[in-house]
Protein backbone atom coordinates (compact mmCIF):
# COMPACT_ATOMS: atom_id res chain seq x y z
CA MET A 1 60.13 -19.88 54.12
CA SER A 2 63.82 -19.62 54.86
CA LYS A 3 65.34 -17.15 57.30
CA ARG A 4 66.23 -14.85 54.41
CA PRO A 5 63.26 -15.39 52.10
CA PHE A 6 63.44 -12.68 49.49
CA THR A 7 65.90 -10.58 47.49
CA ALA A 8 65.02 -8.16 44.67
CA ARG A 9 67.30 -5.99 42.56
CA PHE A 10 66.34 -2.38 41.97
CA PRO A 11 65.46 -1.88 38.27
CA THR A 12 67.40 1.43 38.28
CA PHE A 13 69.73 3.12 40.68
CA PRO A 14 67.43 4.91 43.15
CA ALA A 15 67.01 8.67 43.10
CA ASN A 16 65.44 11.24 45.37
CA GLY A 17 61.69 10.62 45.76
CA ASP A 18 61.59 7.02 44.52
CA GLU A 19 59.49 4.57 46.53
CA VAL A 20 59.50 0.90 47.41
CA ILE A 21 56.14 -0.63 48.32
CA ILE A 22 55.98 -3.93 50.20
CA ARG A 23 52.83 -5.90 50.91
CA ALA A 24 53.40 -9.10 52.85
CA LYS A 25 52.24 -11.35 55.67
CA LEU A 26 54.38 -12.41 58.61
CA LYS A 27 54.09 -15.74 60.36
CA ASP A 28 51.55 -15.52 63.18
CA ASP A 29 54.31 -16.29 65.69
CA ALA A 30 56.91 -14.01 64.03
CA ARG A 31 59.75 -12.92 66.30
CA LYS A 32 61.39 -10.53 63.83
CA PHE A 33 61.14 -9.09 60.36
CA SER A 34 63.67 -6.93 58.49
CA VAL A 35 63.92 -4.92 55.30
CA ASN A 36 67.40 -4.08 54.03
CA PHE A 37 68.48 -1.59 51.39
CA CYS A 38 71.85 -2.99 50.27
CA LEU A 39 74.83 -1.71 48.29
CA PRO A 40 77.01 -4.01 46.19
CA PRO A 41 80.09 -5.19 48.10
CA PRO A 42 83.17 -3.48 46.62
CA GLU A 43 85.62 -5.99 48.10
CA MET A 44 85.78 -9.45 49.63
CA LEU A 45 86.78 -10.56 53.10
CA GLN A 46 89.85 -12.79 53.48
CA ASP A 47 87.65 -15.90 53.51
CA GLY A 48 86.19 -14.93 50.13
CA ALA A 49 82.84 -13.79 51.52
CA PRO A 50 81.55 -10.38 50.37
CA LYS A 51 81.72 -7.47 52.81
CA PRO A 52 78.15 -6.49 53.66
CA TYR A 53 77.01 -2.92 53.11
CA ILE A 54 73.47 -2.08 54.17
CA ALA A 55 72.39 1.55 53.70
CA TYR A 56 69.26 1.02 55.80
CA HIS A 57 68.12 -1.84 58.03
CA PHE A 58 64.48 -1.60 59.21
CA LYS A 59 63.73 -4.37 61.71
CA THR A 60 60.62 -5.08 63.78
CA MET A 61 61.07 -7.36 66.79
CA TYR A 62 58.28 -9.09 68.75
CA ASP A 63 58.68 -10.80 72.12
CA ALA A 64 56.64 -13.68 73.56
CA ASN A 65 54.53 -11.28 75.65
CA GLY A 66 53.34 -9.31 72.63
CA ALA A 67 55.61 -6.30 73.12
CA SER A 68 57.45 -5.06 70.05
CA CYS A 69 59.92 -2.45 68.86
CA VAL A 70 61.44 -1.14 65.64
CA VAL A 71 65.20 -1.02 65.14
CA HIS A 72 66.81 1.30 62.59
CA ASN A 73 70.42 0.68 61.66
CA TRP A 74 72.99 0.54 58.86
CA LYS A 75 76.03 -1.60 58.18
CA ASN A 76 79.41 -0.55 56.82
CA VAL A 77 81.19 -3.93 57.17
CA GLN A 78 80.11 -3.84 60.84
CA TRP A 79 76.76 -2.87 62.32
CA GLN A 80 76.64 0.75 63.44
CA GLU A 81 74.80 2.14 66.48
CA GLU A 82 71.13 1.24 66.29
CA LEU A 83 68.14 3.43 67.01
CA VAL A 84 65.34 1.56 68.84
CA VAL A 85 61.82 3.06 68.90
CA ASP A 86 58.27 1.94 69.66
CA ASN A 87 56.54 -0.24 67.09
CA ASN A 88 53.53 1.74 65.92
CA TRP A 89 53.29 0.29 62.44
CA HIS A 90 52.55 -3.45 62.66
CA VAL A 91 51.40 -4.96 65.93
CA ASP A 92 49.01 -7.69 64.73
CA ARG A 93 51.25 -10.27 63.06
CA SER A 94 48.20 -12.18 61.74
CA LYS A 95 47.32 -9.35 59.32
CA THR A 96 48.83 -8.51 55.93
CA PHE A 97 50.71 -5.22 55.94
CA ARG A 98 51.57 -2.56 53.39
CA VAL A 99 54.58 -0.32 53.99
CA VAL A 100 56.08 2.34 51.71
CA PHE A 101 59.72 3.40 51.85
CA ARG A 102 60.32 6.81 50.26
CA LEU A 103 63.96 7.32 49.37
CA HIS A 104 65.63 10.70 49.74
CA GLU A 105 69.23 11.85 49.31
CA ASP A 106 69.60 12.32 53.07
CA SER A 107 67.04 9.93 54.59
CA ILE A 108 64.56 7.12 54.11
CA LYS A 109 60.99 7.82 55.21
CA VAL A 110 58.68 4.95 56.15
CA PHE A 111 54.91 5.20 55.69
CA VAL A 112 52.39 2.63 56.87
CA GLY A 113 49.60 1.94 54.39
CA CYS A 114 49.80 5.08 52.25
CA VAL A 115 51.84 8.27 51.91
CA ASP A 116 49.13 10.90 52.51
CA HIS A 117 50.30 11.55 56.08
CA PRO A 118 53.60 12.43 57.78
CA PRO A 119 56.09 9.54 57.82
CA ASP A 120 55.73 6.99 60.59
CA TYR A 121 59.52 6.66 60.76
CA GLU A 122 62.52 8.43 59.30
CA PHE A 123 66.18 7.44 59.32
CA PRO A 124 69.16 9.47 58.05
CA LEU A 125 71.14 7.85 55.23
CA GLN A 126 74.87 7.43 55.84
CA MET A 127 75.64 5.85 52.46
CA PRO A 128 74.94 7.10 48.91
CA LEU A 129 71.33 6.61 47.82
CA ASP A 130 72.27 6.13 44.17
CA GLN A 131 74.43 3.10 45.00
CA ILE A 132 71.67 1.00 46.57
CA ASP A 133 71.07 -1.96 44.27
CA THR A 134 69.22 -4.66 46.24
CA LEU A 135 66.27 -4.99 48.58
CA GLU A 136 66.21 -7.90 51.05
CA LEU A 137 63.44 -9.21 53.31
CA TRP A 138 64.72 -11.26 56.23
CA ASP A 139 63.35 -13.60 58.83
CA ASP A 140 59.75 -14.53 59.71
CA VAL A 141 57.91 -13.78 56.46
CA GLU A 142 55.06 -16.14 55.59
CA ARG A 143 54.48 -14.69 52.12
CA VAL A 144 55.33 -11.70 49.93
CA ASP A 145 52.31 -10.44 48.01
CA GLU A 146 53.91 -7.42 46.35
CA ILE A 147 57.14 -5.53 46.00
CA SER A 148 56.90 -2.50 43.73
CA PHE A 149 59.56 0.00 42.75
CA ARG A 150 58.01 3.39 42.00
CA VAL A 151 60.38 5.60 39.99
CA LEU A 152 59.73 9.31 39.51
CA ASN A 153 59.42 10.18 35.81
CA ASN A 154 61.24 13.51 36.08
CA THR A 155 64.53 11.73 36.82
CA ALA A 156 64.06 8.55 34.79
CA ASP A 157 65.90 9.67 31.66
CA THR A 158 69.09 10.52 33.58
CA ARG A 159 69.44 7.12 35.23
CA THR A 160 71.45 4.06 34.54
CA TYR A 161 69.16 1.07 34.08
CA ARG A 162 70.19 -2.41 35.07
CA SER A 163 70.32 -5.18 32.54
């Protein structure tokens, strides 16, 4: 697969409590893997390229010795200060993983496997949740088995749906 193998548009603008479920397999020798929650670029750079806006960047990095870490970040034209923590969610790159991102007005919570436990990671949102429109998977992905958008019913009739 390419360096940036997958992009999916949200079917609705996200709201508090919505979830994104990803099930995928990394390459056995993966060096990094990222999930991005992106906003549409409101303006272009002078060279005609869109300005990147990423509400949440969740990256896992692996080194040649088997050590790994998770980087949390966001991008408002430029990358902001990153938070680096221990990788306790996906150490064995040879195994398929399932990760759930629960979206909240003030944060994104990350759950490994299922959501019946406290979040494995949490990152405060600096950009509006209801403007996120695209999900991107970057880097060393071998295959994507599933991406699901779980929308809470109690807010569904007040949303704007994409066409």
